[in-house]
């Protein structure tokens, strides 16, 4: 079974997004967070169901959640899915 691990970059970007949403509504920020965590917990059951990132290898995928893109990398050797970041319309490199 695969394990999901978030990167520091994902954690930092998520805090910025949650702070932004919380400016309007702390309840919406909490709902966003809870829903995203639920999606992240579903990844190990079928990580290849998410769309393949263009010009990337088969193990780099994207989860889309409420307009946000969450790039992830599936490390088959270590049985870990790394959550690399989260972004909306801004460019992510």
PDB file of N, CA and C in Angstrom:
ATOM      1  N   UNK A   1       0.845  -1.194   0.000  1.00  0.00           N
ATOM      2  CA  UNK A   1       0.000   0.000   0.000  1.00  0.00           C
ATOM      3  C   UNK A   1       0.880   1.243   0.000  1.00  0.00           C
ATOM      4  N   UNK A   2       0.503   2.192  -0.816  1.00  0.00           N
ATOM      5  CA  UNK A   2       1.240   3.450  -0.893  1.00  0.00           C
ATOM      6  C   UNK A   2       0.923   4.343   0.300  1.00  0.00           C
ATOM      7  N   UNK A   3       1.908   5.139   0.662  1.00  0.00           N
ATOM      8  CA  UNK A   3       1.769   6.128   1.732  1.00  0.00           C
ATOM      9  C   UNK A   3       1.824   7.509   1.090  1.00  0.00           C
ATOM     10  N   UNK A   4       1.039   8.445   1.597  1.00  0.00           N
ATOM     11  CA  UNK A   4       1.051   9.821   1.089  1.00  0.00           C
ATOM     12  C   UNK A   4       1.880  10.688   2.026  1.00  0.00           C
ATOM     13  N   UNK A   5       2.820  11.431   1.447  1.00  0.00           N
ATOM     14  CA  UNK A   5       3.631  12.377   2.216  1.00  0.00           C
ATOM     15  C   UNK A   5       3.568  13.736   1.536  1.00  0.00           C
ATOM     16  N   UNK A   6       3.367  14.762   2.331  1.00  0.00           N
ATOM     17  CA  UNK A   6       3.373  16.112   1.780  1.00  0.00           C
ATOM     18  C   UNK A   6       4.779  16.687   1.879  1.00  0.00           C
ATOM     19  N   UNK A   7       5.084  17.575   0.954  1.00  0.00           N
ATOM     20  CA  UNK A   7       6.374  18.261   0.984  1.00  0.00           C
ATOM     21  C   UNK A   7       6.209  19.579   1.729  1.00  0.00           C
ATOM     22  N   UNK A   8       7.314  20.153   2.121  1.00  0.00           N
ATOM     23  CA  UNK A   8       7.285  21.458   2.794  1.00  0.00           C
ATOM     24  C   UNK A   8       6.675  22.512   1.872  1.00  0.00           C
ATOM     25  N   UNK A   9       6.958  22.393   0.598  1.00  0.00           N
ATOM     26  CA  UNK A   9       6.398  23.360  -0.359  1.00  0.00           C
ATOM     27  C   UNK A   9       4.873  23.277  -0.363  1.00  0.00           C
ATOM     28  N   UNK A  10       4.323  22.076  -0.395  1.00  0.00           N
ATOM     29  CA  UNK A  10       2.871  21.910  -0.350  1.00  0.00           C
ATOM     30  C   UNK A  10       2.311  22.528   0.928  1.00  0.00           C
ATOM     31  N   UNK A  11       2.926  22.207   2.054  1.00  0.00           N
ATOM     32  CA  UNK A  11       2.457  22.731   3.341  1.00  0.00           C
ATOM     33  C   UNK A  11       2.445  24.258   3.349  1.00  0.00           C
ATOM     34  N   UNK A  12       3.511  24.864   2.844  1.00  0.00           N
ATOM     35  CA  UNK A  12       3.607  26.332   2.805  1.00  0.00           C
ATOM     36  C   UNK A  12       2.548  26.935   1.884  1.00  0.00           C
ATOM     37  N   UNK A  13       2.389  26.350   0.701  1.00  0.00           N
ATOM     38  CA  UNK A  13       1.413  26.876  -0.252  1.00  0.00           C
ATOM     39  C   UNK A  13      -0.012  26.696   0.275  1.00  0.00           C
ATOM     40  N   UNK A  14      -0.273  25.588   0.956  1.00  0.00           N
ATOM     41  CA  UNK A  14      -1.603  25.355   1.505  1.00  0.00           C
ATOM     42  C   UNK A  14      -1.949  26.382   2.583  1.00  0.00           C
ATOM     43  N   UNK A  15      -0.991  26.719   3.430  1.00  0.00           N
ATOM     44  CA  UNK A  15      -1.230  27.731   4.469  1.00  0.00           C
ATOM     45  C   UNK A  15      -1.609  29.074   3.833  1.00  0.00           C
ATOM     46  N   UNK A  16      -0.929  29.443   2.776  1.00  0.00           N
ATOM     47  CA  UNK A  16      -1.226  30.705   2.087  1.00  0.00           C
ATOM     48  C   UNK A  16      -2.653  30.677   1.535  1.00  0.00           C
ATOM     49  N   UNK A  17      -3.036  29.570   0.920  1.00  0.00           N
ATOM     50  CA  UNK A  17      -4.377  29.438   0.358  1.00  0.00           C
ATOM     51  C   UNK A  17      -5.428  29.474   1.456  1.00  0.00           C
ATOM     52  N   UNK A  18      -5.195  28.742   2.528  1.00  0.00           N
ATOM     53  CA  UNK A  18      -6.162  28.709   3.630  1.00  0.00           C
ATOM     54  C   UNK A  18      -6.308  30.078   4.278  1.00  0.00           C
ATOM     55  N   UNK A  19      -5.210  30.788   4.442  1.00  0.00           N
ATOM     56  CA  UNK A  19      -5.270  32.150   4.990  1.00  0.00           C
ATOM     57  C   UNK A  19      -6.090  33.062   4.089  1.00  0.00           C
ATOM     58  N   UNK A  20      -5.907  32.924   2.788  1.00  0.00           N
ATOM     59  CA  UNK A  20      -6.647  33.735   1.831  1.00  0.00           C
ATOM     60  C   UNK A  20      -8.148  33.442   1.913  1.00  0.00           C
ATOM     61  N   UNK A  21      -8.510  32.169   1.941  1.00  0.00           N
ATOM     62  CA  UNK A  21      -9.925  31.793   2.039  1.00  0.00           C
ATOM     63  C   UNK A  21     -10.508  32.254   3.376  1.00  0.00           C
ATOM     64  N   UNK A  22      -9.728  32.135   4.443  1.00  0.00           N
ATOM     65  CA  UNK A  22     -10.198  32.505   5.785  1.00  0.00           C
ATOM     66  C   UNK A  22     -10.470  33.996   5.918  1.00  0.00           C
ATOM     67  N   UNK A  23      -9.835  34.822   5.081  1.00  0.00           N
ATOM     68  CA  UNK A  23     -10.120  36.259   5.107  1.00  0.00           C
ATOM     69  C   UNK A  23     -11.596  36.512   4.828  1.00  0.00           C
ATOM     70  N   UNK A  24     -12.186  35.667   4.008  1.00  0.00           N
ATOM     71  CA  UNK A  24     -13.604  35.774   3.671  1.00  0.00           C
ATOM     72  C   UNK A  24     -14.460  34.976   4.650  1.00  0.00           C
ATOM     73  N   UNK A  25     -14.011  33.746   4.959  1.00  0.00           N
ATOM     74  CA  UNK A  25     -14.802  32.879   5.836  1.00  0.00           C
ATOM     75  C   UNK A  25     -13.923  31.775   6.409  1.00  0.00           C
ATOM     76  N   UNK A  26     -13.786  31.762   7.714  1.00  0.00           N
ATOM     77  CA  UNK A  26     -12.990  30.699   8.344  1.00  0.00           C
ATOM     78  C   UNK A  26     -13.667  29.344   8.175  1.00  0.00           C
ATOM     79  N   UNK A  27     -14.986  29.340   8.099  1.00  0.00           N
ATOM     80  CA  UNK A  27     -15.711  28.083   7.886  1.00  0.00           C
ATOM     81  C   UNK A  27     -15.416  27.505   6.496  1.00  0.00           C
ATOM     82  N   UNK A  28     -15.389  28.379   5.488  1.00  0.00           N
ATOM     83  CA  UNK A  28     -15.046  27.912   4.133  1.00  0.00           C
ATOM     84  C   UNK A  28     -13.615  27.402   4.080  1.00  0.00           C
ATOM     85  N   UNK A  29     -12.708  28.042   4.781  1.00  0.00           N
ATOM     86  CA  UNK A  29     -11.317  27.589   4.812  1.00  0.00           C
ATOM     87  C   UNK A  29     -11.228  26.195   5.438  1.00  0.00           C
ATOM     88  N   UNK A  30     -11.958  25.988   6.515  1.00  0.00           N
ATOM     89  CA  UNK A  30     -11.959  24.679   7.171  1.00  0.00           C
ATOM     90  C   UNK A  30     -12.589  23.619   6.277  1.00  0.00           C
ATOM     91  N   UNK A  31     -13.679  23.969   5.595  1.00  0.00           N
ATOM     92  CA  UNK A  31     -14.314  23.026   4.662  1.00  0.00           C
ATOM     93  C   UNK A  31     -13.367  22.657   3.527  1.00  0.00           C
ATOM     94  N   UNK A  32     -12.653  23.663   3.007  1.00  0.00           N
ATOM     95  CA  UNK A  32     -11.679  23.412   1.942  1.00  0.00           C
ATOM     96  C   UNK A  32     -10.605  22.443   2.430  1.00  0.00           C
ATOM     97  N   UNK A  33     -10.070  22.719   3.597  1.00  0.00           N
ATOM     98  CA  UNK A  33      -9.008  21.886   4.177  1.00  0.00           C
ATOM     99  C   UNK A  33      -9.486  20.450   4.384  1.00  0.00           C
ATOM    100  N   UNK A  34     -10.656  20.298   5.001  1.00  0.00           N
ATOM    101  CA  UNK A  34     -11.189  18.950   5.256  1.00  0.00           C
ATOM    102  C   UNK A  34     -11.432  18.182   3.966  1.00  0.00           C
ATOM    103  N   UNK A  35     -12.000  18.856   2.973  1.00  0.00           N
ATOM    104  CA  UNK A  35     -12.261  18.205   1.690  1.00  0.00           C
ATOM    105  C   UNK A  35     -10.991  17.803   0.974  1.00  0.00           C
ATOM    106  N   UNK A  36      -9.985  18.672   1.025  1.00  0.00           N
ATOM    107  CA  UNK A  36      -8.706  18.361   0.390  1.00  0.00           C
ATOM    108  C   UNK A  36      -8.037  17.166   1.071  1.00  0.00           C
ATOM    109  N   UNK A  37      -8.049  17.149   2.395  1.00  0.00           N
ATOM    110  CA  UNK A  37      -7.463  16.014   3.114  1.00  0.00           C
ATOM    111  C   UNK A  37      -8.146  14.703   2.740  1.00  0.00           C
ATOM    112  N   UNK A  38      -9.447  14.754   2.584  1.00  0.00           N
ATOM    113  CA  UNK A  38     -10.185  13.553   2.185  1.00  0.00           C
ATOM    114  C   UNK A  38      -9.706  13.057   0.824  1.00  0.00           C
ATOM    115  N   UNK A  39      -9.527  13.982  -0.113  1.00  0.00           N
ATOM    116  CA  UNK A  39      -9.021  13.616  -1.444  1.00  0.00           C
ATOM    117  C   UNK A  39      -7.608  13.040  -1.358  1.00  0.00           C
ATOM    118  N   UNK A  40      -6.760  13.633  -0.524  1.00  0.00           N
ATOM    119  CA  UNK A  40      -5.382  13.147  -0.386  1.00  0.00           C
ATOM    120  C   UNK A  40      -5.351  11.740   0.206  1.00  0.00           C
ATOM    121  N   UNK A  41      -6.268  11.455   1.118  1.00  0.00           N
ATOM    122  CA  UNK A  41      -6.330  10.118   1.716  1.00  0.00           C
ATOM    123  C   UNK A  41      -6.799   9.067   0.720  1.00  0.00           C
ATOM    124  N   UNK A  42      -7.507   9.488  -0.343  1.00  0.00           N
ATOM    125  CA  UNK A  42      -7.986   8.553  -1.364  1.00  0.00           C
ATOM    126  C   UNK A  42      -6.903   8.173  -2.372  1.00  0.00           C
ATOM    127  N   UNK A  43      -5.837   8.944  -2.445  1.00  0.00           N
ATOM    128  CA  UNK A  43      -4.805   8.744  -3.473  1.00  0.00           C
ATOM    129  C   UNK A  43      -4.219   7.327  -3.471  1.00  0.00           C
ATOM    130  N   UNK A  44      -3.843   6.740  -2.320  1.00  0.00           N
ATOM    131  CA  UNK A  44      -3.198   5.427  -2.366  1.00  0.00           C
ATOM    132  C   UNK A  44      -4.030   4.322  -3.024  1.00  0.00           C
ATOM    133  N   UNK A  45      -5.337   4.433  -2.997  1.00  0.00           N
ATOM    134  CA  UNK A  45      -6.160   3.376  -3.578  1.00  0.00           C
ATOM    135  C   UNK A  45      -6.030   3.311  -5.099  1.00  0.00           C
ATOM    136  N   UNK A  46      -5.749   4.430  -5.756  1.00  0.00           N
ATOM    137  CA  UNK A  46      -5.589   4.428  -7.211  1.00  0.00           C
ATOM    138  C   UNK A  46      -4.889   5.708  -7.665  1.00  0.00           C
ATOM    139  N   UNK A  47      -3.595   5.827  -7.439  1.00  0.00           N
ATOM    140  CA  UNK A  47      -2.905   7.081  -7.751  1.00  0.00           C
ATOM    141  C   UNK A  47      -2.825   7.388  -9.245  1.00  0.00           C
ATOM    142  N   UNK A  48      -2.975   6.370 -10.081  1.00  0.00           N
ATOM    143  CA  UNK A  48      -2.863   6.605 -11.522  1.00  0.00           C
ATOM    144  C   UNK A  48      -4.182   7.050 -12.154  1.00  0.00           C
ATOM    145  N   UNK A  49      -5.218   7.219 -11.351  1.00  0.00           N
ATOM    146  CA  UNK A  49      -6.487   7.698 -11.902  1.00  0.00           C
ATOM    147  C   UNK A  49      -6.453   9.208 -12.164  1.00  0.00           C
ATOM    148  N   UNK A  50      -5.490   9.893 -11.574  1.00  0.00           N
ATOM    149  CA  UNK A  50      -5.387  11.338 -11.761  1.00  0.00           C
ATOM    150  C   UNK A  50      -4.691  11.631 -13.078  1.00  0.00           C
ATOM    151  N   UNK A  51      -4.968  12.810 -13.612  1.00  0.00           N
ATOM    152  CA  UNK A  51      -4.449  13.103 -14.948  1.00  0.00           C
ATOM    153  C   UNK A  51      -2.929  13.200 -14.945  1.00  0.00           C
ATOM    154  N   UNK A  52      -2.377  12.742 -16.047  1.00  0.00           N
ATOM    155  CA  UNK A  52      -0.927  12.783 -16.233  1.00  0.00           C
ATOM    156  C   UNK A  52      -0.527  14.208 -16.583  1.00  0.00           C
ATOM    157  N   UNK A  53       0.529  14.677 -15.944  1.00  0.00           N
ATOM    158  CA  UNK A  53       1.033  16.018 -16.267  1.00  0.00           C
ATOM    159  C   UNK A  53       1.652  16.005 -17.651  1.00  0.00           C
ATOM    160  N   UNK A  54       1.352  17.053 -18.413  1.00  0.00           N
ATOM    161  CA  UNK A  54       1.915  17.158 -19.755  1.00  0.00           C
ATOM    162  C   UNK A  54       3.435  17.194 -19.688  1.00  0.00           C
ATOM    163  N   UNK A  55       4.040  16.555 -20.637  1.00  0.00           N
ATOM    164  CA  UNK A  55       5.499  16.497 -20.793  1.00  0.00           C
ATOM    165  C   UNK A  55       6.215  15.950 -19.554  1.00  0.00           C
ATOM    166  N   UNK A  56       5.522  15.156 -18.755  1.00  0.00           N
ATOM    167  CA  UNK A  56       6.143  14.529 -17.586  1.00  0.00           C
ATOM    168  C   UNK A  56       6.036  13.016 -17.722  1.00  0.00           C
ATOM    169  N   UNK A  57       6.722  12.318 -16.860  1.00  0.00           N
ATOM    170  CA  UNK A  57       6.667  10.867 -16.932  1.00  0.00           C
ATOM    171  C   UNK A  57       5.355  10.331 -16.349  1.00  0.00           C
ATOM    172  N   UNK A  58       5.169   9.060 -16.481  1.00  0.00           N
ATOM    173  CA  UNK A  58       3.930   8.389 -16.075  1.00  0.00           C
ATOM    174  C   UNK A  58       3.648   8.519 -14.585  1.00  0.00           C
ATOM    175  N   UNK A  59       4.658   8.739 -13.773  1.00  0.00           N
ATOM    176  CA  UNK A  59       4.495   8.772 -12.322  1.00  0.00           C
ATOM    177  C   UNK A  59       4.226  10.168 -11.760  1.00  0.00           C
ATOM    178  N   UNK A  60       4.135  11.157 -12.615  1.00  0.00           N
ATOM    179  CA  UNK A  60       3.811  12.508 -12.170  1.00  0.00           C
ATOM    180  C   UNK A  60       2.378  12.808 -12.597  1.00  0.00           C
ATOM    181  N   UNK A  61       1.529  13.078 -11.629  1.00  0.00           N
ATOM    182  CA  UNK A  61       0.096  13.247 -11.862  1.00  0.00           C
ATOM    183  C   UNK A  61      -0.411  14.541 -11.248  1.00  0.00           C
ATOM    184  N   UNK A  62      -1.664  14.871 -11.543  1.00  0.00           N
ATOM    185  CA  UNK A  62      -2.283  16.068 -10.990  1.00  0.00           C
ATOM    186  C   UNK A  62      -3.675  15.737 -10.463  1.00  0.00           C
ATOM    187  N   UNK A  63      -3.895  16.091  -9.226  1.00  0.00           N
ATOM    188  CA  UNK A  63      -5.216  16.012  -8.626  1.00  0.00           C
ATOM    189  C   UNK A  63      -5.812  17.412  -8.733  1.00  0.00           C
ATOM    190  N   UNK A  64      -7.044  17.516  -9.193  1.00  0.00           N
ATOM    191  CA  UNK A  64      -7.721  18.807  -9.283  1.00  0.00           C
ATOM    192  C   UNK A  64      -8.767  18.846  -8.184  1.00  0.00           C
ATOM    193  N   UNK A  65      -8.723  19.903  -7.369  1.00  0.00           N
ATOM    194  CA  UNK A  65      -9.680  20.064  -6.276  1.00  0.00           C
ATOM    195  C   UNK A  65     -10.146  21.511  -6.205  1.00  0.00           C
ATOM    196  N   UNK A  66     -11.413  21.718  -6.477  1.00  0.00           N
ATOM    197  CA  UNK A  66     -12.040  23.047  -6.409  1.00  0.00           C
ATOM    198  C   UNK A  66     -11.231  24.115  -7.145  1.00  0.00           C
ATOM    199  N   UNK A  67     -10.762  23.770  -8.329  1.00  0.00           N
ATOM    200  CA  UNK A  67     -10.023  24.725  -9.146  1.00  0.00           C
ATOM    201  C   UNK A  67      -8.541  24.787  -8.845  1.00  0.00           C
ATOM    202  N   UNK A  68      -8.093  24.085  -7.835  1.00  0.00           N
ATOM    203  CA  UNK A  68      -6.677  24.052  -7.478  1.00  0.00           C
ATOM    204  C   UNK A  68      -6.044  22.780  -8.028  1.00  0.00           C
ATOM    205  N   UNK A  69      -4.813  22.899  -8.475  1.00  0.00           N
ATOM    206  CA  UNK A  69      -4.068  21.768  -8.994  1.00  0.00           C
ATOM    207  C   UNK A  69      -3.060  21.322  -7.942  1.00  0.00           C
ATOM    208  N   UNK A  70      -3.048  20.018  -7.680  1.00  0.00           N
ATOM    209  CA  UNK A  70      -2.127  19.432  -6.706  1.00  0.00           C
ATOM    210  C   UNK A  70      -1.244  18.434  -7.453  1.00  0.00           C
ATOM    211  N   UNK A  71      -0.020  18.838  -7.828  1.00  0.00           N
ATOM    212  CA  UNK A  71       0.873  17.898  -8.493  1.00  0.00           C
ATOM    213  C   UNK A  71       1.391  16.863  -7.495  1.00  0.00           C
ATOM    214  N   UNK A  72       1.488  15.620  -7.967  1.00  0.00           N
ATOM    215  CA  UNK A  72       1.989  14.560  -7.102  1.00  0.00           C
ATOM    216  C   UNK A  72       2.928  13.650  -7.875  1.00  0.00           C
ATOM    217  N   UNK A  73       3.835  13.052  -7.149  1.00  0.00           N
ATOM    218  CA  UNK A  73       4.803  12.139  -7.758  1.00  0.00           C
ATOM    219  C   UNK A  73       4.691  10.790  -7.054  1.00  0.00           C
ATOM    220  N   UNK A  74       4.536   9.739  -7.839  1.00  0.00           N
ATOM    221  CA  UNK A  74       4.401   8.383  -7.312  1.00  0.00           C
ATOM    222  C   UNK A  74       5.776   7.711  -7.370  1.00  0.00           C
ATOM    223  N   UNK A  75       6.353   7.472  -6.211  1.00  0.00           N
ATOM    224  CA  UNK A  75       7.647   6.786  -6.112  1.00  0.00           C
ATOM    225  C   UNK A  75       7.373   5.317  -5.827  1.00  0.00           C
ATOM    226  N   UNK A  76       7.371   4.517  -6.885  1.00  0.00           N
ATOM    227  CA  UNK A  76       7.024   3.099  -6.764  1.00  0.00           C
ATOM    228  C   UNK A  76       8.045   2.317  -5.939  1.00  0.00           C
ATOM    229  N   UNK A  77       9.293   2.716  -6.000  1.00  0.00           N
ATOM    230  CA  UNK A  77      10.333   2.001  -5.253  1.00  0.00           C
ATOM    231  C   UNK A  77      10.165   2.165  -3.746  1.00  0.00           C
ATOM    232  N   UNK A  78       9.768   3.353  -3.315  1.00  0.00           N
ATOM    233  CA  UNK A  78       9.613   3.634  -1.885  1.00  0.00           C
ATOM    234  C   UNK A  78       8.170   3.476  -1.403  1.00  0.00           C
ATOM    235  N   UNK A  79       7.245   3.207  -2.352  1.00  0.00           N
ATOM    236  CA  UNK A  79       5.816   3.099  -2.028  1.00  0.00           C
ATOM    237  C   UNK A  79       5.277   4.369  -1.368  1.00  0.00           C
ATOM    238  N   UNK A  80       5.693   5.516  -1.911  1.00  0.00           N
ATOM    239  CA  UNK A  80       5.272   6.808  -1.380  1.00  0.00           C
ATOM    240  C   UNK A  80       4.731   7.670  -2.515  1.00  0.00           C
ATOM    241  N   UNK A  81       3.648   8.364  -2.248  1.00  0.00           N
ATOM    242  CA  UNK A  81       3.162   9.399  -3.154  1.00  0.00           C
ATOM    243  C   UNK A  81       3.499  10.731  -2.504  1.00  0.00           C
ATOM    244  N   UNK A  82       4.338  11.500  -3.165  1.00  0.00           N
ATOM    245  CA  UNK A  82       4.737  12.806  -2.652  1.00  0.00           C
ATOM    246  C   UNK A  82       3.799  13.872  -3.207  1.00  0.00           C
ATOM    247  N   UNK A  83       3.192  14.647  -2.319  1.00  0.00           N
ATOM    248  CA  UNK A  83       2.353  15.766  -2.712  1.00  0.00           C
ATOM    249  C   UNK A  83       3.290  16.962  -2.843  1.00  0.00           C
ATOM    250  N   UNK A  84       3.496  17.411  -4.069  1.00  0.00           N
ATOM    251  CA  UNK A  84       4.553  18.373  -4.353  1.00  0.00           C
ATOM    252  C   UNK A  84       4.178  19.824  -4.082  1.00  0.00           C
ATOM    253  N   UNK A  85       2.920  20.167  -4.255  1.00  0.00           N
ATOM    254  CA  UNK A  85       2.509  21.552  -4.068  1.00  0.00           C
ATOM    255  C   UNK A  85       1.031  21.697  -4.327  1.00  0.00           C
ATOM    256  N   UNK A  86       0.573  22.935  -4.346  1.00  0.00           N
ATOM    257  CA  UNK A  86      -0.815  23.245  -4.691  1.00  0.00           C
ATOM    258  C   UNK A  86      -0.844  24.647  -5.252  1.00  0.00           C
ATOM    259  N   UNK A  87      -1.577  24.815  -6.347  1.00  0.00           N
ATOM    260  CA  UNK A  87      -1.676  26.143  -6.953  1.00  0.00           C
ATOM    261  C   UNK A  87      -3.010  26.285  -7.671  1.00  0.00           C
ATOM    262  N   UNK A  88      -3.348  27.541  -7.940  1.00  0.00           N
ATOM    263  CA  UNK A  88      -4.587  27.823  -8.647  1.00  0.00           C
ATOM    264  C   UNK A  88      -4.222  28.283 -10.045  1.00  0.00           C
ATOM    265  N   UNK A  89      -4.358  29.536 -10.329  1.00  0.00           N
ATOM    266  CA  UNK A  89      -4.085  30.021 -11.679  1.00  0.00           C
ATOM    267  C   UNK A  89      -2.652  30.501 -11.857  1.00  0.00           C
ATOM    268  N   UNK A  90      -1.943  30.642 -10.743  1.00  0.00           N
ATOM    269  CA  UNK A  90      -0.554  31.060 -10.851  1.00  0.00           C
ATOM    270  C   UNK A  90       0.280  29.915 -11.412  1.00  0.00           C
ATOM    271  N   UNK A  91       1.393  30.234 -11.982  1.00  0.00           N
ATOM    272  CA  UNK A  91       2.275  29.213 -12.540  1.00  0.00           C
ATOM    273  C   UNK A  91       3.034  28.519 -11.424  1.00  0.00           C
ATOM    274  N   UNK A  92       3.173  27.233 -11.552  1.00  0.00           N
ATOM    275  CA  UNK A  92       3.895  26.432 -10.568  1.00  0.00           C
ATOM    276  C   UNK A  92       5.051  25.777 -11.260  1.00  0.00           C
ATOM    277  N   UNK A  93       6.246  25.999 -10.762  1.00  0.00           N
ATOM    278  CA  UNK A  93       7.428  25.417 -11.408  1.00  0.00           C
ATOM    279  C   UNK A  93       8.191  24.572 -10.426  1.00  0.00           C
TER     280      UNK A  93
END
